[in-house]
Amino acid sequence: MGSSRHVIGDISELILVENLLRRGWYVYRPLSAWGPVDVIAITAVGKLYLFDAKTDRFRVNPNRRKRSRIYRKRSALQKLLRVRIAYVNERTRAVWFVPAL
Protein backbone atom coordinates (compact mmCIF):
# COMPACT_ATOMS: atom_id res chain seq x y z
CA MET A 1 0.00 0.00 0.00
CA GLY A 2 1.17 3.55 -0.70
CA SER A 3 2.00 6.21 1.84
CA SER A 4 -0.77 7.35 4.16
CA ARG A 5 -0.75 10.75 2.43
CA HIS A 6 -1.59 9.13 -0.90
CA VAL A 7 -4.24 6.92 0.67
CA ILE A 8 -5.94 9.99 2.20
CA GLY A 9 -5.79 11.67 -1.23
CA ASP A 10 -7.42 8.64 -2.84
CA ILE A 11 -10.16 8.70 -0.20
CA SER A 12 -10.76 12.40 -0.90
CA GLU A 13 -11.14 11.68 -4.62
CA LEU A 14 -13.64 8.90 -3.93
CA ILE A 15 -15.69 11.15 -1.60
CA LEU A 16 -15.76 13.78 -4.36
CA VAL A 17 -16.94 11.16 -6.88
CA GLU A 18 -19.69 10.05 -4.48
CA ASN A 19 -20.78 13.68 -3.96
CA LEU A 20 -21.05 14.26 -7.71
CA LEU A 21 -22.87 10.97 -8.36
CA ARG A 22 -25.44 11.85 -5.68
CA ARG A 23 -26.12 15.06 -7.66
CA GLY A 24 -27.08 12.85 -10.59
CA TRP A 25 -24.00 13.76 -12.65
CA TYR A 26 -21.98 11.51 -14.95
CA VAL A 27 -18.54 11.09 -13.42
CA TYR A 28 -15.28 9.95 -15.01
CA ARG A 29 -11.76 9.53 -13.66
CA PRO A 30 -8.67 9.85 -15.90
CA LEU A 31 -6.58 6.72 -16.47
CA SER A 32 -3.37 8.45 -15.47
CA ALA A 33 -2.64 9.07 -11.79
CA TRP A 34 -0.76 12.24 -12.73
CA GLY A 35 -2.24 15.26 -14.46
CA PRO A 36 -4.12 18.52 -13.98
CA VAL A 37 -7.52 16.84 -13.44
CA ASP A 38 -8.62 14.19 -10.91
CA VAL A 39 -12.31 13.98 -11.80
CA ILE A 40 -14.40 14.89 -14.85
CA ALA A 41 -18.13 15.44 -14.36
CA ILE A 42 -21.03 16.19 -16.70
CA THR A 43 -24.34 17.48 -15.38
CA ALA A 44 -27.72 16.19 -16.54
CA VAL A 45 -28.00 19.24 -18.82
CA GLY A 46 -24.55 18.66 -20.37
CA LYS A 47 -22.38 21.18 -18.48
CA LEU A 48 -18.79 19.91 -18.15
CA TYR A 49 -16.74 20.37 -14.97
CA LEU A 50 -13.11 19.45 -14.30
CA PHE A 51 -11.99 18.99 -10.68
CA ASP A 52 -8.75 18.66 -8.76
CA ALA A 53 -9.53 16.97 -5.43
CA LYS A 54 -7.65 18.24 -2.38
CA THR A 55 -7.92 17.05 1.19
CA ASP A 56 -9.17 19.99 3.25
CA ARG A 57 -6.53 21.27 5.67
CA PHE A 58 -6.48 24.18 8.13
CA ARG A 59 -3.82 26.09 10.03
CA VAL A 60 -3.68 28.63 12.82
CA ASN A 61 -1.64 31.66 11.78
CA PRO A 62 0.60 33.34 14.37
CA ASN A 63 -1.22 35.78 16.69
CA ARG A 64 -4.62 34.37 15.70
CA ARG A 65 -6.97 31.92 17.32
CA LYS A 66 -9.22 31.07 14.41
CA ARG A 67 -8.19 28.34 11.98
CA SER A 68 -8.09 29.22 8.30
CA ARG A 69 -8.35 26.96 5.26
CA ILE A 70 -5.12 26.29 3.38
CA TYR A 71 -5.87 27.25 -0.23
CA ARG A 72 -3.96 25.56 -3.04
CA LYS A 73 -3.05 27.45 -6.21
CA ARG A 74 -4.04 26.12 -9.58
CA SER A 75 -1.31 25.56 -12.15
CA ALA A 76 -1.27 27.59 -15.37
CA LEU A 77 -2.72 24.60 -17.24
CA GLN A 78 -5.46 24.15 -14.64
CA LYS A 79 -6.40 27.83 -15.02
CA LEU A 80 -6.47 27.46 -18.81
CA LEU A 81 -8.72 24.38 -18.51
CA ARG A 82 -10.91 26.09 -15.84
CA VAL A 83 -10.29 23.30 -13.35
CA ARG A 84 -12.07 23.79 -10.03
CA ILE A 85 -10.48 22.80 -6.74
CA ALA A 86 -12.69 20.51 -4.67
CA TYR A 87 -11.68 20.64 -0.99
CA VAL A 88 -12.78 17.41 0.69
CA ASN A 89 -13.05 16.85 4.43
CA GLU A 90 -12.43 13.12 4.81
CA ARG A 91 -13.97 13.02 8.31
CA THR A 92 -17.28 14.80 7.60
CA ARG A 93 -17.36 13.94 3.86
CA ALA A 94 -18.14 17.61 3.12
CA VAL A 95 -17.00 18.97 -0.26
CA TRP A 96 -16.31 22.67 -0.87
CA PHE A 97 -15.73 23.92 -4.43
CA VAL A 98 -13.50 26.84 -5.53
CA PRO A 99 -14.78 28.59 -7.52
CA ALA A 100 -18.25 27.70 -6.25
CA LEU A 101 -20.60 25.69 -8.49
C-alpha atoms as a PDB file:
ATOM      1  CA  MET A   1       0.000   0.000   0.000  1.00  0.00           C
ATOM      2  CA  GLY A   2       1.175   3.553  -0.702  1.00  0.00           C
ATOM      3  CA  SER A   3       2.004   6.209   1.836  1.00  0.00           C
ATOM      4  CA  SER A   4      -0.768   7.346   4.160  1.00  0.00           C
ATOM      5  CA  ARG A   5      -0.748  10.748   2.430  1.00  0.00           C
ATOM      6  CA  HIS A   6      -1.588   9.127  -0.903  1.00  0.00           C
ATOM      7  CA  VAL A   7      -4.238   6.920   0.673  1.00  0.00           C
ATOM      8  CA  ILE A   8      -5.943   9.985   2.195  1.00  0.00           C
ATOM      9  CA  GLY A   9      -5.788  11.672  -1.227  1.00  0.00           C
ATOM     10  CA  ASP A  10      -7.421   8.635  -2.844  1.00  0.00           C
ATOM     11  CA  ILE A  11     -10.158   8.696  -0.198  1.00  0.00           C
ATOM     12  CA  SER A  12     -10.763  12.402  -0.903  1.00  0.00           C
ATOM     13  CA  GLU A  13     -11.142  11.677  -4.619  1.00  0.00           C
ATOM     14  CA  LEU A  14     -13.644   8.903  -3.926  1.00  0.00           C
ATOM     15  CA  ILE A  15     -15.685  11.148  -1.605  1.00  0.00           C
ATOM     16  CA  LEU A  16     -15.760  13.775  -4.363  1.00  0.00           C
ATOM     17  CA  VAL A  17     -16.935  11.161  -6.880  1.00  0.00           C
ATOM     18  CA  GLU A  18     -19.692  10.046  -4.483  1.00  0.00           C
ATOM     19  CA  ASN A  19     -20.779  13.677  -3.964  1.00  0.00           C
ATOM     20  CA  LEU A  20     -21.054  14.264  -7.709  1.00  0.00           C
ATOM     21  CA  LEU A  21     -22.866  10.972  -8.356  1.00  0.00           C
ATOM     22  CA  ARG A  22     -25.444  11.854  -5.685  1.00  0.00           C
ATOM     23  CA  ARG A  23     -26.123  15.056  -7.663  1.00  0.00           C
ATOM     24  CA  GLY A  24     -27.077  12.847 -10.593  1.00  0.00           C
ATOM     25  CA  TRP A  25     -24.002  13.762 -12.651  1.00  0.00           C
ATOM     26  CA  TYR A  26     -21.982  11.512 -14.955  1.00  0.00           C
ATOM     27  CA  VAL A  27     -18.536  11.090 -13.419  1.00  0.00           C
ATOM     28  CA  TYR A  28     -15.277   9.954 -15.008  1.00  0.00           C
ATOM     29  CA  ARG A  29     -11.756   9.526 -13.664  1.00  0.00           C
ATOM     30  CA  PRO A  30      -8.671   9.848 -15.900  1.00  0.00           C
ATOM     31  CA  LEU A  31      -6.584   6.720 -16.472  1.00  0.00           C
ATOM     32  CA  SER A  32      -3.367   8.453 -15.466  1.00  0.00           C
ATOM     33  CA  ALA A  33      -2.643   9.075 -11.789  1.00  0.00           C
ATOM     34  CA  TRP A  34      -0.765  12.244 -12.734  1.00  0.00           C
ATOM     35  CA  GLY A  35      -2.245  15.259 -14.464  1.00  0.00           C
ATOM     36  CA  PRO A  36      -4.121  18.518 -13.983  1.00  0.00           C
ATOM     37  CA  VAL A  37      -7.522  16.837 -13.436  1.00  0.00           C
ATOM     38  CA  ASP A  38      -8.616  14.185 -10.910  1.00  0.00           C
ATOM     39  CA  VAL A  39     -12.313  13.979 -11.797  1.00  0.00           C
ATOM     40  CA  ILE A  40     -14.396  14.889 -14.852  1.00  0.00           C
ATOM     41  CA  ALA A  41     -18.128  15.438 -14.360  1.00  0.00           C
ATOM     42  CA  ILE A  42     -21.025  16.186 -16.696  1.00  0.00           C
ATOM     43  CA  THR A  43     -24.341  17.478 -15.377  1.00  0.00           C
ATOM     44  CA  ALA A  44     -27.723  16.189 -16.542  1.00  0.00           C
ATOM     45  CA  VAL A  45     -27.997  19.239 -18.825  1.00  0.00           C
ATOM     46  CA  GLY A  46     -24.553  18.665 -20.371  1.00  0.00           C
ATOM     47  CA  LYS A  47     -22.375  21.175 -18.481  1.00  0.00           C
ATOM     48  CA  LEU A  48     -18.792  19.909 -18.152  1.00  0.00           C
ATOM     49  CA  TYR A  49     -16.740  20.375 -14.967  1.00  0.00           C
ATOM     50  CA  LEU A  50     -13.106  19.447 -14.296  1.00  0.00           C
ATOM     51  CA  PHE A  51     -11.994  18.992 -10.682  1.00  0.00           C
ATOM     52  CA  ASP A  52      -8.745  18.658  -8.765  1.00  0.00           C
ATOM     53  CA  ALA A  53      -9.534  16.973  -5.433  1.00  0.00           C
ATOM     54  CA  LYS A  54      -7.645  18.239  -2.376  1.00  0.00           C
ATOM     55  CA  THR A  55      -7.919  17.048   1.189  1.00  0.00           C
ATOM     56  CA  ASP A  56      -9.175  19.985   3.248  1.00  0.00           C
ATOM     57  CA  ARG A  57      -6.531  21.273   5.668  1.00  0.00           C
ATOM     58  CA  PHE A  58      -6.483  24.175   8.131  1.00  0.00           C
ATOM     59  CA  ARG A  59      -3.824  26.092  10.031  1.00  0.00           C
ATOM     60  CA  VAL A  60      -3.685  28.634  12.819  1.00  0.00           C
ATOM     61  CA  ASN A  61      -1.637  31.658  11.785  1.00  0.00           C
ATOM     62  CA  PRO A  62       0.605  33.343  14.369  1.00  0.00           C
ATOM     63  CA  ASN A  63      -1.215  35.776  16.688  1.00  0.00           C
ATOM     64  CA  ARG A  64      -4.617  34.370  15.702  1.00  0.00           C
ATOM     65  CA  ARG A  65      -6.974  31.924  17.323  1.00  0.00           C
ATOM     66  CA  LYS A  66      -9.222  31.067  14.411  1.00  0.00           C
ATOM     67  CA  ARG A  67      -8.192  28.342  11.984  1.00  0.00           C
ATOM     68  CA  SER A  68      -8.092  29.221   8.302  1.00  0.00           C
ATOM     69  CA  ARG A  69      -8.346  26.960   5.264  1.00  0.00           C
ATOM     70  CA  ILE A  70      -5.124  26.293   3.381  1.00  0.00           C
ATOM     71  CA  TYR A  71      -5.868  27.247  -0.235  1.00  0.00           C
ATOM     72  CA  ARG A  72      -3.963  25.560  -3.042  1.00  0.00           C
ATOM     73  CA  LYS A  73      -3.053  27.446  -6.211  1.00  0.00           C
ATOM     74  CA  ARG A  74      -4.045  26.117  -9.579  1.00  0.00           C
ATOM     75  CA  SER A  75      -1.314  25.560 -12.155  1.00  0.00           C
ATOM     76  CA  ALA A  76      -1.266  27.586 -15.368  1.00  0.00           C
ATOM     77  CA  LEU A  77      -2.718  24.597 -17.235  1.00  0.00           C
ATOM     78  CA  GLN A  78      -5.462  24.153 -14.644  1.00  0.00           C
ATOM     79  CA  LYS A  79      -6.400  27.835 -15.024  1.00  0.00           C
ATOM     80  CA  LEU A  80      -6.473  27.457 -18.809  1.00  0.00           C
ATOM     81  CA  LEU A  81      -8.718  24.382 -18.511  1.00  0.00           C
ATOM     82  CA  ARG A  82     -10.906  26.091 -15.843  1.00  0.00           C
ATOM     83  CA  VAL A  83     -10.292  23.304 -13.349  1.00  0.00           C
ATOM     84  CA  ARG A  84     -12.073  23.787 -10.028  1.00  0.00           C
ATOM     85  CA  ILE A  85     -10.476  22.804  -6.739  1.00  0.00           C
ATOM     86  CA  ALA A  86     -12.688  20.505  -4.666  1.00  0.00           C
ATOM     87  CA  TYR A  87     -11.682  20.639  -0.990  1.00  0.00           C
ATOM     88  CA  VAL A  88     -12.785  17.413   0.687  1.00  0.00           C
ATOM     89  CA  ASN A  89     -13.053  16.845   4.429  1.00  0.00           C
ATOM     90  CA  GLU A  90     -12.434  13.124   4.807  1.00  0.00           C
ATOM     91  CA  ARG A  91     -13.967  13.019   8.308  1.00  0.00           C
ATOM     92  CA  THR A  92     -17.276  14.797   7.604  1.00  0.00           C
ATOM     93  CA  ARG A  93     -17.364  13.941   3.863  1.00  0.00           C
ATOM     94  CA  ALA A  94     -18.137  17.609   3.116  1.00  0.00           C
ATOM     95  CA  VAL A  95     -16.998  18.969  -0.260  1.00  0.00           C
ATOM     96  CA  TRP A  96     -16.311  22.671  -0.873  1.00  0.00           C
ATOM     97  CA  PHE A  97     -15.734  23.920  -4.430  1.00  0.00           C
ATOM     98  CA  VAL A  98     -13.496  26.836  -5.533  1.00  0.00           C
ATOM     99  CA  PRO A  99     -14.776  28.585  -7.520  1.00  0.00           C
ATOM    100  CA  ALA A 100     -18.252  27.696  -6.250  1.00  0.00           C
ATOM    101  CA  LEU A 101     -20.602  25.692  -8.490  1.00  0.00           C
END
